[in-house]
Amino acid sequence: MTSKDRQKMYVLAGIMGITFLYVYVVYLIQPMKVKSGQLKQQLVQAETKLRTIQLFAGKLAALESEHAALIRDVEQWSSRLASLSEVPKVIEELSGFASQTGIRIQAILPQSPQDMSIDEKIEGVAKVGKKAVYQRVPIQIDALGGFHEVSQFIEKIEIGGRPMSVVSIRVTGLEQDTKNHRAQLLIESYHSLETE
């Protein structure tokens, strides 16, 4: 083999080496780089998603413990509420407040939950999960008395021992008696539901 043949062989080997290197880079390394870039992007997205899930998982645990605490509180408070069968005692207590404050009751009309509209029934029952806990019982009172006596009566209702609230008040004057007024009150008394 002559030196020219060797040179041709070296040139041919160099061309083949360069061709092999070009094919290696173009067909093997370049796709690997593209795939590597895609994998890095997917990794960043997965890490972001993982951080978000971890954040929500942390909040979920806090929400679950808060929910459990609220359920305990509701159960504790519902055990303090009078049952629906004690509505007559509530009416007696309201009558007692009236006599203590000098109010003359003309009528006390408790409204049973069955007399309420569907919206009021749904609105009037508090639920924890799927279990109903308490119910509002509206009581309408028509009474006669002075402004001072009516305000004392309302105060007794609001600070009395039972959970009750005055929802609406309407006071009108009487033509024949200027010292007394007609008071119409709507009171809500809160009761636990009877367990069967």
C-alpha atoms as a PDB file:
ATOM      1  CA  MET A   1       0.000   0.000   0.000  1.00  0.00           C
ATOM      2  CA  THR A   2       1.397   3.239  -1.120  1.00  0.00           C
ATOM      3  CA  SER A   3       1.280   6.470   0.757  1.00  0.00           C
ATOM      4  CA  LYS A   4      -1.404   7.779  -1.563  1.00  0.00           C
ATOM      5  CA  ASP A   5      -3.524   4.748  -0.863  1.00  0.00           C
ATOM      6  CA  ARG A   6      -2.960   5.269   2.848  1.00  0.00           C
ATOM      7  CA  GLN A   7      -3.931   8.888   2.557  1.00  0.00           C
ATOM      8  CA  LYS A   8      -7.027   7.937   0.636  1.00  0.00           C
ATOM      9  CA  MET A   9      -7.822   5.381   3.348  1.00  0.00           C
ATOM     10  CA  TYR A  10      -7.278   7.971   6.093  1.00  0.00           C
ATOM     11  CA  VAL A  11      -9.428  10.480   4.213  1.00  0.00           C
ATOM     12  CA  LEU A  12     -12.075   7.819   3.646  1.00  0.00           C
ATOM     13  CA  ALA A  13     -11.868   6.785   7.327  1.00  0.00           C
ATOM     14  CA  GLY A  14     -12.104  10.449   8.330  1.00  0.00           C
ATOM     15  CA  ILE A  15     -15.128  10.974   6.101  1.00  0.00           C
ATOM     16  CA  MET A  16     -16.723   7.821   7.512  1.00  0.00           C
ATOM     17  CA  GLY A  17     -15.907   8.955  11.046  1.00  0.00           C
ATOM     18  CA  ILE A  18     -17.393  12.391  10.426  1.00  0.00           C
ATOM     19  CA  THR A  19     -20.429  10.792   8.766  1.00  0.00           C
ATOM     20  CA  PHE A  20     -20.793   8.396  11.716  1.00  0.00           C
ATOM     21  CA  LEU A  21     -20.426  11.275  14.163  1.00  0.00           C
ATOM     22  CA  TYR A  22     -22.991  13.325  12.206  1.00  0.00           C
ATOM     23  CA  VAL A  23     -25.451  10.413  12.135  1.00  0.00           C
ATOM     24  CA  TYR A  24     -24.795   9.762  15.840  1.00  0.00           C
ATOM     25  CA  VAL A  25     -25.504  13.394  16.764  1.00  0.00           C
ATOM     26  CA  VAL A  26     -28.448  13.925  14.417  1.00  0.00           C
ATOM     27  CA  TYR A  27     -30.238  10.637  14.927  1.00  0.00           C
ATOM     28  CA  LEU A  28     -29.279   9.683  18.488  1.00  0.00           C
ATOM     29  CA  ILE A  29     -28.078  12.646  20.540  1.00  0.00           C
ATOM     30  CA  GLN A  30     -30.452  15.307  19.151  1.00  0.00           C
ATOM     31  CA  PRO A  31     -33.640  13.230  19.802  1.00  0.00           C
ATOM     32  CA  MET A  32     -32.273  12.426  23.245  1.00  0.00           C
ATOM     33  CA  LYS A  33     -31.790  16.155  23.930  1.00  0.00           C
ATOM     34  CA  VAL A  34     -35.337  16.904  22.732  1.00  0.00           C
ATOM     35  CA  LYS A  35     -36.712  14.036  24.832  1.00  0.00           C
ATOM     36  CA  SER A  36     -34.595  15.205  27.782  1.00  0.00           C
ATOM     37  CA  GLY A  37     -36.028  18.734  27.440  1.00  0.00           C
ATOM     38  CA  GLN A  38     -39.558  17.330  27.317  1.00  0.00           C
ATOM     39  CA  LEU A  39     -38.876  15.166  30.371  1.00  0.00           C
ATOM     40  CA  LYS A  40     -37.484  18.184  32.255  1.00  0.00           C
ATOM     41  CA  GLN A  41     -40.629  20.161  31.399  1.00  0.00           C
ATOM     42  CA  GLN A  42     -42.824  17.249  32.505  1.00  0.00           C
ATOM     43  CA  LEU A  43     -40.763  16.976  35.708  1.00  0.00           C
ATOM     44  CA  VAL A  44     -41.273  20.687  36.454  1.00  0.00           C
ATOM     45  CA  GLN A  45     -45.023  20.318  35.817  1.00  0.00           C
ATOM     46  CA  ALA A  46     -45.170  17.210  38.011  1.00  0.00           C
ATOM     47  CA  GLU A  47     -43.282  18.995  40.816  1.00  0.00           C
ATOM     48  CA  THR A  48     -45.674  21.963  40.583  1.00  0.00           C
ATOM     49  CA  LYS A  49     -48.650  19.622  40.659  1.00  0.00           C
ATOM     50  CA  LEU A  50     -47.134  17.741  43.622  1.00  0.00           C
ATOM     51  CA  ARG A  51     -46.620  20.999  45.569  1.00  0.00           C
ATOM     52  CA  THR A  52     -50.224  21.991  44.840  1.00  0.00           C
ATOM     53  CA  ILE A  53     -51.507  18.585  45.972  1.00  0.00           C
ATOM     54  CA  GLN A  54     -49.376  18.762  49.119  1.00  0.00           C
ATOM     55  CA  LEU A  55     -50.741  22.236  49.845  1.00  0.00           C
ATOM     56  CA  PHE A  56     -54.315  21.014  49.394  1.00  0.00           C
ATOM     57  CA  ALA A  57     -53.588  17.888  51.437  1.00  0.00           C
ATOM     58  CA  GLY A  58     -52.320  20.078  54.259  1.00  0.00           C
ATOM     59  CA  LYS A  59     -55.430  22.231  54.025  1.00  0.00           C
ATOM     60  CA  LEU A  60     -57.635  19.138  53.799  1.00  0.00           C
ATOM     61  CA  ALA A  61     -56.247  17.800  57.053  1.00  0.00           C
ATOM     62  CA  ALA A  62     -56.858  21.175  58.714  1.00  0.00           C
ATOM     63  CA  LEU A  63     -60.384  21.347  57.247  1.00  0.00           C
ATOM     64  CA  GLU A  64     -61.150  17.808  58.397  1.00  0.00           C
ATOM     65  CA  SER A  65     -60.057  18.603  61.948  1.00  0.00           C
ATOM     66  CA  GLU A  66     -62.035  21.867  61.848  1.00  0.00           C
ATOM     67  CA  HIS A  67     -65.077  19.957  60.543  1.00  0.00           C
ATOM     68  CA  ALA A  68     -64.740  17.390  63.347  1.00  0.00           C
ATOM     69  CA  ALA A  69     -64.502  20.213  65.914  1.00  0.00           C
ATOM     70  CA  LEU A  70     -67.613  21.881  64.453  1.00  0.00           C
ATOM     71  CA  ILE A  71     -69.543  18.601  64.611  1.00  0.00           C
ATOM     72  CA  ARG A  72     -68.512  18.191  68.272  1.00  0.00           C
ATOM     73  CA  ASP A  73     -69.640  21.771  68.979  1.00  0.00           C
ATOM     74  CA  VAL A  74     -72.986  21.231  67.237  1.00  0.00           C
ATOM     75  CA  GLU A  75     -73.576  17.994  69.125  1.00  0.00           C
ATOM     76  CA  GLN A  76     -72.663  19.699  72.399  1.00  0.00           C
ATOM     77  CA  TRP A  77     -74.997  22.645  71.722  1.00  0.00           C
ATOM     78  CA  SER A  78     -77.798  20.449  70.420  1.00  0.00           C
ATOM     79  CA  SER A  79     -77.725  18.499  73.680  1.00  0.00           C
ATOM     80  CA  ARG A  80     -78.463  21.803  75.466  1.00  0.00           C
ATOM     81  CA  LEU A  81     -81.498  22.621  73.304  1.00  0.00           C
ATOM     82  CA  ALA A  82     -84.966  21.769  74.493  1.00  0.00           C
ATOM     83  CA  SER A  83     -86.803  19.132  72.483  1.00  0.00           C
ATOM     84  CA  LEU A  84     -89.814  19.997  70.342  1.00  0.00           C
ATOM     85  CA  SER A  85     -92.061  18.466  72.994  1.00  0.00           C
ATOM     86  CA  GLU A  86     -91.054  21.319  75.334  1.00  0.00           C
ATOM     87  CA  VAL A  87     -92.717  24.053  73.237  1.00  0.00           C
ATOM     88  CA  PRO A  88     -95.501  24.374  75.885  1.00  0.00           C
ATOM     89  CA  LYS A  89     -92.817  25.119  78.508  1.00  0.00           C
ATOM     90  CA  VAL A  90     -91.426  27.831  76.227  1.00  0.00           C
ATOM     91  CA  ILE A  91     -94.915  29.362  76.001  1.00  0.00           C
ATOM     92  CA  GLU A  92     -95.221  29.236  79.812  1.00  0.00           C
ATOM     93  CA  GLU A  93     -91.847  30.955  80.100  1.00  0.00           C
ATOM     94  CA  LEU A  94     -92.942  33.671  77.656  1.00  0.00           C
ATOM     95  CA  SER A  95     -96.148  34.151  79.685  1.00  0.00           C
ATOM     96  CA  GLY A  96     -94.010  34.470  82.811  1.00  0.00           C
ATOM     97  CA  PHE A  97     -91.839  37.126  81.144  1.00  0.00           C
ATOM     98  CA  ALA A  98     -95.007  38.995  80.151  1.00  0.00           C
ATOM     99  CA  SER A  99     -96.395  39.015  83.698  1.00  0.00           C
ATOM    100  CA  GLN A 100     -92.989  40.097  85.110  1.00  0.00           C
ATOM    101  CA  THR A 101     -92.834  43.073  82.735  1.00  0.00           C
ATOM    102  CA  GLY A 102     -96.498  44.118  82.871  1.00  0.00           C
ATOM    103  CA  ILE A 103     -97.376  43.015  79.312  1.00  0.00           C
ATOM    104  CA  ARG A 104    -100.885  41.653  78.696  1.00  0.00           C
ATOM    105  CA  ILE A 105    -100.747  38.849  76.152  1.00  0.00           C
ATOM    106  CA  GLN A 106    -103.724  38.701  73.838  1.00  0.00           C
ATOM    107  CA  ALA A 107    -102.573  35.615  71.880  1.00  0.00           C
ATOM    108  CA  ILE A 108     -99.620  33.251  71.623  1.00  0.00           C
ATOM    109  CA  LEU A 109     -99.578  31.236  68.424  1.00  0.00           C
ATOM    110  CA  PRO A 110     -96.799  28.707  68.000  1.00  0.00           C
ATOM    111  CA  GLN A 111     -96.408  27.601  64.407  1.00  0.00           C
ATOM    112  CA  SER A 112     -95.500  23.982  63.919  1.00  0.00           C
ATOM    113  CA  PRO A 113     -92.855  23.237  61.314  1.00  0.00           C
ATOM    114  CA  GLN A 114     -95.531  21.504  59.197  1.00  0.00           C
ATOM    115  CA  ASP A 115     -97.331  24.854  58.842  1.00  0.00           C
ATOM    116  CA  MET A 116     -94.245  26.476  57.336  1.00  0.00           C
ATOM    117  CA  SER A 117     -93.609  26.671  53.610  1.00  0.00           C
ATOM    118  CA  ILE A 118     -91.150  24.270  51.993  1.00  0.00           C
ATOM    119  CA  ASP A 119     -88.481  26.993  51.800  1.00  0.00           C
ATOM    120  CA  GLU A 120     -88.971  27.830  55.460  1.00  0.00           C
ATOM    121  CA  LYS A 121     -88.729  24.158  56.399  1.00  0.00           C
ATOM    122  CA  ILE A 122     -85.473  23.780  54.517  1.00  0.00           C
ATOM    123  CA  GLU A 123     -84.176  27.055  55.898  1.00  0.00           C
ATOM    124  CA  GLY A 124     -85.402  26.244  59.426  1.00  0.00           C
ATOM    125  CA  VAL A 125     -83.505  22.991  59.852  1.00  0.00           C
ATOM    126  CA  ALA A 126     -79.769  23.076  60.445  1.00  0.00           C
ATOM    127  CA  LYS A 127     -77.932  20.030  59.112  1.00  0.00           C
ATOM    128  CA  VAL A 128     -74.551  18.530  59.853  1.00  0.00           C
ATOM    129  CA  GLY A 129     -73.667  16.230  56.995  1.00  0.00           C
ATOM    130  CA  LYS A 130     -76.972  14.547  56.224  1.00  0.00           C
ATOM    131  CA  LYS A 131     -78.238  14.580  59.825  1.00  0.00           C
ATOM    132  CA  ALA A 132     -80.658  17.321  60.975  1.00  0.00           C
ATOM    133  CA  VAL A 133     -79.671  18.782  64.356  1.00  0.00           C
ATOM    134  CA  TYR A 134     -82.126  21.503  65.405  1.00  0.00           C
ATOM    135  CA  GLN A 135     -85.279  23.226  64.264  1.00  0.00           C
ATOM    136  CA  ARG A 136     -86.651  26.737  64.581  1.00  0.00           C
ATOM    137  CA  VAL A 137     -90.182  27.048  65.913  1.00  0.00           C
ATOM    138  CA  PRO A 138     -91.743  30.456  65.187  1.00  0.00           C
ATOM    139  CA  ILE A 139     -94.049  31.794  67.899  1.00  0.00           C
ATOM    140  CA  GLN A 140     -96.279  34.787  67.205  1.00  0.00           C
ATOM    141  CA  ILE A 141     -97.281  36.939  70.176  1.00  0.00           C
ATOM    142  CA  ASP A 142     -99.928  39.674  70.196  1.00  0.00           C
ATOM    143  CA  ALA A 143     -99.721  41.756  73.365  1.00  0.00           C
ATOM    144  CA  LEU A 144    -100.667  45.099  74.947  1.00  0.00           C
ATOM    145  CA  GLY A 145     -98.304  47.292  76.954  1.00  0.00           C
ATOM    146  CA  GLY A 146     -96.260  50.470  77.021  1.00  0.00           C
ATOM    147  CA  PHE A 147     -93.036  50.938  75.110  1.00  0.00           C
ATOM    148  CA  HIS A 148     -90.987  50.442  78.292  1.00  0.00           C
ATOM    149  CA  GLU A 149     -92.776  47.202  79.164  1.00  0.00           C
ATOM    150  CA  VAL A 150     -92.441  45.896  75.600  1.00  0.00           C
ATOM    151  CA  SER A 151     -88.696  46.606  75.609  1.00  0.00           C
ATOM    152  CA  GLN A 152     -88.308  44.869  78.982  1.00  0.00           C
ATOM    153  CA  PHE A 153     -90.251  41.878  77.617  1.00  0.00           C
ATOM    154  CA  ILE A 154     -87.959  41.690  74.569  1.00  0.00           C
ATOM    155  CA  GLU A 155     -84.901  41.950  76.797  1.00  0.00           C
ATOM    156  CA  LYS A 156     -86.136  39.043  78.944  1.00  0.00           C
ATOM    157  CA  ILE A 157     -86.647  36.945  75.807  1.00  0.00           C
ATOM    158  CA  GLU A 158     -83.190  37.726  74.434  1.00  0.00           C
ATOM    159  CA  ILE A 159     -81.252  37.130  77.660  1.00  0.00           C
ATOM    160  CA  GLY A 160     -83.443  34.347  79.057  1.00  0.00           C
ATOM    161  CA  GLY A 161     -82.143  30.852  79.608  1.00  0.00           C
ATOM    162  CA  ARG A 162     -83.540  29.357  76.408  1.00  0.00           C
ATOM    163  CA  PRO A 163     -82.146  29.949  72.937  1.00  0.00           C
ATOM    164  CA  MET A 164     -84.731  32.322  71.434  1.00  0.00           C
ATOM    165  CA  SER A 165     -84.552  35.417  69.288  1.00  0.00           C
ATOM    166  CA  VAL A 166     -86.989  38.156  68.345  1.00  0.00           C
ATOM    167  CA  VAL A 167     -87.283  38.124  64.552  1.00  0.00           C
ATOM    168  CA  SER A 168     -89.747  40.951  64.020  1.00  0.00           C
ATOM    169  CA  ILE A 169     -91.546  43.583  66.094  1.00  0.00           C
ATOM    170  CA  ARG A 170     -94.512  45.706  65.150  1.00  0.00           C
ATOM    171  CA  VAL A 171     -95.839  48.268  67.623  1.00  0.00           C
ATOM    172  CA  THR A 172     -98.943  50.333  66.901  1.00  0.00           C
ATOM    173  CA  GLY A 173    -100.715  52.873  69.032  1.00  0.00           C
ATOM    174  CA  LEU A 174    -104.236  52.457  70.441  1.00  0.00           C
ATOM    175  CA  GLU A 175    -106.673  55.321  69.943  1.00  0.00           C
ATOM    176  CA  GLN A 176    -108.655  54.593  73.104  1.00  0.00           C
ATOM    177  CA  ASP A 177    -105.579  54.026  75.352  1.00  0.00           C
ATOM    178  CA  THR A 178    -102.614  56.384  74.810  1.00  0.00           C
ATOM    179  CA  LYS A 179    -100.402  54.703  77.448  1.00  0.00           C
ATOM    180  CA  ASN A 180    -100.583  51.233  75.924  1.00  0.00           C
ATOM    181  CA  HIS A 181     -99.687  49.964  72.492  1.00  0.00           C
ATOM    182  CA  ARG A 182    -100.369  46.821  70.524  1.00  0.00           C
ATOM    183  CA  ALA A 183     -97.159  44.819  70.064  1.00  0.00           C
ATOM    184  CA  GLN A 184     -96.916  41.993  67.567  1.00  0.00           C
ATOM    185  CA  LEU A 185     -93.752  39.945  67.884  1.00  0.00           C
ATOM    186  CA  LEU A 186     -92.431  36.982  65.980  1.00  0.00           C
ATOM    187  CA  ILE A 187     -90.070  34.940  68.102  1.00  0.00           C
ATOM    188  CA  GLU A 188     -88.004  31.970  67.041  1.00  0.00           C
ATOM    189  CA  SER A 189     -87.363  29.289  69.596  1.00  0.00           C
ATOM    190  CA  TYR A 190     -84.671  26.753  68.809  1.00  0.00           C
ATOM    191  CA  HIS A 191     -85.235  23.068  69.605  1.00  0.00           C
ATOM    192  CA  SER A 192     -83.407  19.802  69.114  1.00  0.00           C
ATOM    193  CA  LEU A 193     -85.143  17.284  66.939  1.00  0.00           C
ATOM    194  CA  GLU A 194     -86.708  14.270  68.596  1.00  0.00           C
ATOM    195  CA  THR A 195     -84.675  11.110  68.060  1.00  0.00           C
ATOM    196  CA  GLU A 196     -86.716   8.054  67.320  1.00  0.00           C
END
